Amino acid sequence: MRYLGIDYGSSKIGLALSDEAGTMGFPHAVVTNTPRLVEELCALIAAENVGALVIGESRDLTGAENPIAKGARTLGGQLAERAGVPVFYESEVFTSAEARRAPAKEGKTRAAKPRANVDASAAALILTSYLSRIDHE
C-alpha cells in the first residue's frame, strides 16, 4: 500500500510518498496552504493510489500540542472524510531540523537546503518513521 506523508504548516505543506510496498518515504512536493488544499490533496491521493495518510503530530518540547497541531488534526479529519482513507499521526519532533542537516545531493555544496526541500524532506522523515515503527510492531 502506498502512503502519503504530510508535514503540516500554516503556510506550506511538505508532502512525501512511500514506495509501492509502503516501506520508505520519499520527498514529493511542497504545496501552499490555501482554501483549496483539501481538494488538491484528494486529487493527489487518487492519482497516486494512496491507501493511507501519515500526518506529523506537532507538539512542543513538553509534549503539549502546539498551535499547528489543531490545523493538522482538522486537515486529517477533512481528508479522512473526503478521500475515504485512514489517517495516522506520527511525532514530528525535530524533523525539520534533521531535514536541514541532511547532506546536499552529490555535486552540490553543503549549504543550507532551500525551505521547500526542507518541508518535503521533513514529510519523508515523518512518513519513514511511521513506516519503520509499524513494520516492527
C-alpha atoms as a PDB file:
ATOM      1  CA  MET A   1       0.000   0.000   0.000  1.00  0.00           C
ATOM      2  CA  ARG A   2       1.193   3.486  -0.800  1.00  0.00           C
ATOM      3  CA  TYR A   3       1.216   6.178   1.893  1.00  0.00           C
ATOM      4  CA  LEU A   4       1.214   9.975   1.745  1.00  0.00           C
ATOM      5  CA  GLY A   5       3.207  11.784   4.426  1.00  0.00           C
ATOM      6  CA  ILE A   6       2.256  15.336   5.376  1.00  0.00           C
ATOM      7  CA  ASP A   7       4.333  17.923   7.226  1.00  0.00           C
ATOM      8  CA  TYR A   8       1.627  20.486   8.005  1.00  0.00           C
ATOM      9  CA  GLY A   9       2.424  24.170   8.265  1.00  0.00           C
ATOM     10  CA  SER A  10       0.343  27.323   8.378  1.00  0.00           C
ATOM     11  CA  SER A  11       1.686  28.498   5.009  1.00  0.00           C
ATOM     12  CA  LYS A  12       3.453  25.499   3.382  1.00  0.00           C
ATOM     13  CA  ILE A  13       2.694  21.773   3.433  1.00  0.00           C
ATOM     14  CA  GLY A  14       5.501  19.279   2.806  1.00  0.00           C
ATOM     15  CA  LEU A  15       4.461  16.075   1.059  1.00  0.00           C
ATOM     16  CA  ALA A  16       6.145  12.698   0.757  1.00  0.00           C
ATOM     17  CA  LEU A  17       5.075   9.473  -0.915  1.00  0.00           C
ATOM     18  CA  SER A  18       6.059   5.970   0.044  1.00  0.00           C
ATOM     19  CA  ASP A  19       7.201   3.318  -2.336  1.00  0.00           C
ATOM     20  CA  GLU A  20       4.501   0.868  -3.513  1.00  0.00           C
ATOM     21  CA  ALA A  21       5.411  -1.591  -0.754  1.00  0.00           C
ATOM     22  CA  GLY A  22       4.934   1.068   1.921  1.00  0.00           C
ATOM     23  CA  THR A  23       8.405   0.667   3.388  1.00  0.00           C
ATOM     24  CA  MET A  24      10.030   4.083   2.966  1.00  0.00           C
ATOM     25  CA  GLY A  25       9.032   7.703   2.363  1.00  0.00           C
ATOM     26  CA  PHE A  26      10.473   9.968  -0.340  1.00  0.00           C
ATOM     27  CA  PRO A  27      10.127  13.758  -0.654  1.00  0.00           C
ATOM     28  CA  HIS A  28       7.438  14.589  -3.211  1.00  0.00           C
ATOM     29  CA  ALA A  29       6.448  18.264  -3.216  1.00  0.00           C
ATOM     30  CA  VAL A  30       5.581  21.354  -1.238  1.00  0.00           C
ATOM     31  CA  VAL A  31       2.182  22.958  -1.672  1.00  0.00           C
ATOM     32  CA  THR A  32       0.779  26.207  -0.374  1.00  0.00           C
ATOM     33  CA  ASN A  33      -1.777  26.030   2.413  1.00  0.00           C
ATOM     34  CA  THR A  34      -4.787  27.578   0.665  1.00  0.00           C
ATOM     35  CA  PRO A  35      -8.559  27.046   0.897  1.00  0.00           C
ATOM     36  CA  ARG A  36      -8.177  24.532  -1.980  1.00  0.00           C
ATOM     37  CA  LEU A  37      -5.702  22.361  -0.048  1.00  0.00           C
ATOM     38  CA  VAL A  38      -8.139  19.528   0.693  1.00  0.00           C
ATOM     39  CA  GLU A  39      -9.207  19.349  -2.967  1.00  0.00           C
ATOM     40  CA  GLU A  40      -5.575  19.326  -4.149  1.00  0.00           C
ATOM     41  CA  LEU A  41      -4.602  16.594  -1.707  1.00  0.00           C
ATOM     42  CA  CYS A  42      -7.654  14.482  -2.574  1.00  0.00           C
ATOM     43  CA  ALA A  43      -6.633  14.681  -6.247  1.00  0.00           C
ATOM     44  CA  LEU A  44      -3.077  13.598  -5.354  1.00  0.00           C
ATOM     45  CA  ILE A  45      -4.400  10.738  -3.196  1.00  0.00           C
ATOM     46  CA  ALA A  46      -6.495   9.472  -6.123  1.00  0.00           C
ATOM     47  CA  ALA A  47      -3.772   9.976  -8.757  1.00  0.00           C
ATOM     48  CA  GLU A  48      -1.089   8.199  -6.722  1.00  0.00           C
ATOM     49  CA  ASN A  49      -3.397   5.443  -5.411  1.00  0.00           C
ATOM     50  CA  VAL A  50      -2.666   6.363  -1.787  1.00  0.00           C
ATOM     51  CA  GLY A  51      -4.214   3.999   0.768  1.00  0.00           C
ATOM     52  CA  ALA A  52      -3.404   5.880   3.997  1.00  0.00           C
ATOM     53  CA  LEU A  53      -2.075   9.205   5.267  1.00  0.00           C
ATOM     54  CA  VAL A  54       0.569   9.921   7.889  1.00  0.00           C
ATOM     55  CA  ILE A  55       0.444  13.442   9.297  1.00  0.00           C
ATOM     56  CA  GLY A  56       3.138  14.893  11.507  1.00  0.00           C
ATOM     57  CA  GLU A  57       1.912  15.259  15.074  1.00  0.00           C
ATOM     58  CA  SER A  58       3.068  18.678  16.131  1.00  0.00           C
ATOM     59  CA  ARG A  59       3.927  19.104  19.817  1.00  0.00           C
ATOM     60  CA  ASP A  60       6.176  21.383  21.817  1.00  0.00           C
ATOM     61  CA  LEU A  61       9.127  20.099  23.836  1.00  0.00           C
ATOM     62  CA  THR A  62       6.908  19.482  26.891  1.00  0.00           C
ATOM     63  CA  GLY A  63       4.699  17.162  24.824  1.00  0.00           C
ATOM     64  CA  ALA A  64       1.740  19.548  24.603  1.00  0.00           C
ATOM     65  CA  GLU A  65       0.107  20.268  21.256  1.00  0.00           C
ATOM     66  CA  ASN A  66       1.389  23.476  19.701  1.00  0.00           C
ATOM     67  CA  PRO A  67      -0.723  25.901  17.617  1.00  0.00           C
ATOM     68  CA  ILE A  68      -0.034  23.994  14.360  1.00  0.00           C
ATOM     69  CA  ALA A  69      -1.471  20.769  15.817  1.00  0.00           C
ATOM     70  CA  LYS A  70      -5.086  21.947  15.607  1.00  0.00           C
ATOM     71  CA  GLY A  71      -4.747  22.737  11.897  1.00  0.00           C
ATOM     72  CA  ALA A  72      -3.068  19.393  11.218  1.00  0.00           C
ATOM     73  CA  ARG A  73      -5.856  17.495  13.001  1.00  0.00           C
ATOM     74  CA  THR A  74      -8.515  19.463  11.141  1.00  0.00           C
ATOM     75  CA  LEU A  75      -6.827  18.658   7.830  1.00  0.00           C
ATOM     76  CA  GLY A  76      -6.579  14.985   8.807  1.00  0.00           C
ATOM     77  CA  GLY A  77     -10.291  14.824   9.595  1.00  0.00           C
ATOM     78  CA  GLN A  78     -11.257  16.531   6.343  1.00  0.00           C
ATOM     79  CA  LEU A  79      -9.048  14.218   4.275  1.00  0.00           C
ATOM     80  CA  ALA A  80     -10.308  11.094   6.039  1.00  0.00           C
ATOM     81  CA  GLU A  81     -13.875  12.127   5.271  1.00  0.00           C
ATOM     82  CA  ARG A  82     -13.370  13.344   1.698  1.00  0.00           C
ATOM     83  CA  ALA A  83     -10.774  10.850   0.451  1.00  0.00           C
ATOM     84  CA  GLY A  84     -12.016   7.891   2.494  1.00  0.00           C
ATOM     85  CA  VAL A  85      -8.551   6.842   3.649  1.00  0.00           C
ATOM     86  CA  PRO A  86      -7.306   6.226   7.191  1.00  0.00           C
ATOM     87  CA  VAL A  87      -5.178   8.920   8.804  1.00  0.00           C
ATOM     88  CA  PHE A  88      -2.360   8.178  11.235  1.00  0.00           C
ATOM     89  CA  TYR A  89      -0.287  10.638  13.239  1.00  0.00           C
ATOM     90  CA  GLU A  90       3.454  10.413  13.842  1.00  0.00           C
ATOM     91  CA  SER A  91       5.658  12.601  16.004  1.00  0.00           C
ATOM     92  CA  GLU A  92       7.444  15.270  14.023  1.00  0.00           C
ATOM     93  CA  VAL A  93       9.759  16.456  16.788  1.00  0.00           C
ATOM     94  CA  PHE A  94      12.983  17.774  15.228  1.00  0.00           C
ATOM     95  CA  THR A  95      12.150  16.521  11.699  1.00  0.00           C
ATOM     96  CA  SER A  96      12.627  19.970  10.126  1.00  0.00           C
ATOM     97  CA  ALA A  97      15.961  20.411  11.894  1.00  0.00           C
ATOM     98  CA  GLU A  98      17.014  16.918  10.794  1.00  0.00           C
ATOM     99  CA  ALA A  99      15.928  17.632   7.215  1.00  0.00           C
ATOM    100  CA  ARG A 100      18.015  20.838   7.173  1.00  0.00           C
ATOM    101  CA  ARG A 101      21.098  18.883   8.297  1.00  0.00           C
ATOM    102  CA  ALA A 102      20.760  16.162   5.667  1.00  0.00           C
ATOM    103  CA  PRO A 103      23.658  16.189   3.208  1.00  0.00           C
ATOM    104  CA  ALA A 104      23.209  18.034  -0.056  1.00  0.00           C
ATOM    105  CA  LYS A 105      22.971  15.973  -3.234  1.00  0.00           C
ATOM    106  CA  GLU A 106      26.248  14.901  -4.763  1.00  0.00           C
ATOM    107  CA  GLY A 107      27.994  17.703  -6.605  1.00  0.00           C
ATOM    108  CA  LYS A 108      26.355  20.446  -4.560  1.00  0.00           C
ATOM    109  CA  THR A 109      27.803  22.319  -1.626  1.00  0.00           C
ATOM    110  CA  ARG A 110      26.617  21.646   1.899  1.00  0.00           C
ATOM    111  CA  ALA A 111      24.830  24.990   2.056  1.00  0.00           C
ATOM    112  CA  ALA A 112      21.509  25.067   3.856  1.00  0.00           C
ATOM    113  CA  LYS A 113      18.697  23.411   1.930  1.00  0.00           C
ATOM    114  CA  PRO A 114      16.042  25.676   0.452  1.00  0.00           C
ATOM    115  CA  ARG A 115      12.940  25.851   2.654  1.00  0.00           C
ATOM    116  CA  ALA A 116      10.792  23.945   0.125  1.00  0.00           C
ATOM    117  CA  ASN A 117      13.174  20.998   0.137  1.00  0.00           C
ATOM    118  CA  VAL A 118      13.181  21.007   3.936  1.00  0.00           C
ATOM    119  CA  ASP A 119       9.375  20.732   4.123  1.00  0.00           C
ATOM    120  CA  ALA A 120       9.218  17.804   1.692  1.00  0.00           C
ATOM    121  CA  SER A 121      12.221  16.127   3.357  1.00  0.00           C
ATOM    122  CA  ALA A 122      10.603  16.555   6.782  1.00  0.00           C
ATOM    123  CA  ALA A 123       7.442  14.895   5.431  1.00  0.00           C
ATOM    124  CA  ALA A 124       9.586  11.984   4.193  1.00  0.00           C
ATOM    125  CA  LEU A 125      11.201  11.653   7.640  1.00  0.00           C
ATOM    126  CA  ILE A 126       7.793  11.617   9.343  1.00  0.00           C
ATOM    127  CA  LEU A 127       6.494   9.016   6.894  1.00  0.00           C
ATOM    128  CA  THR A 128       9.580   6.799   7.105  1.00  0.00           C
ATOM    129  CA  SER A 129       9.487   6.967  10.922  1.00  0.00           C
ATOM    130  CA  TYR A 130       5.885   5.753  10.923  1.00  0.00           C
ATOM    131  CA  LEU A 131       6.536   3.015   8.361  1.00  0.00           C
ATOM    132  CA  SER A 132       9.592   1.767  10.284  1.00  0.00           C
ATOM    133  CA  ARG A 133       7.644   1.684  13.530  1.00  0.00           C
ATOM    134  CA  ILE A 134       4.629  -0.241  12.168  1.00  0.00           C
ATOM    135  CA  ASP A 135       6.952  -2.688  10.418  1.00  0.00           C
ATOM    136  CA  HIS A 136       8.323  -3.671  13.824  1.00  0.00           C
ATOM    137  CA  GLU A 137       5.028  -3.908  15.729  1.00  0.00           C
END
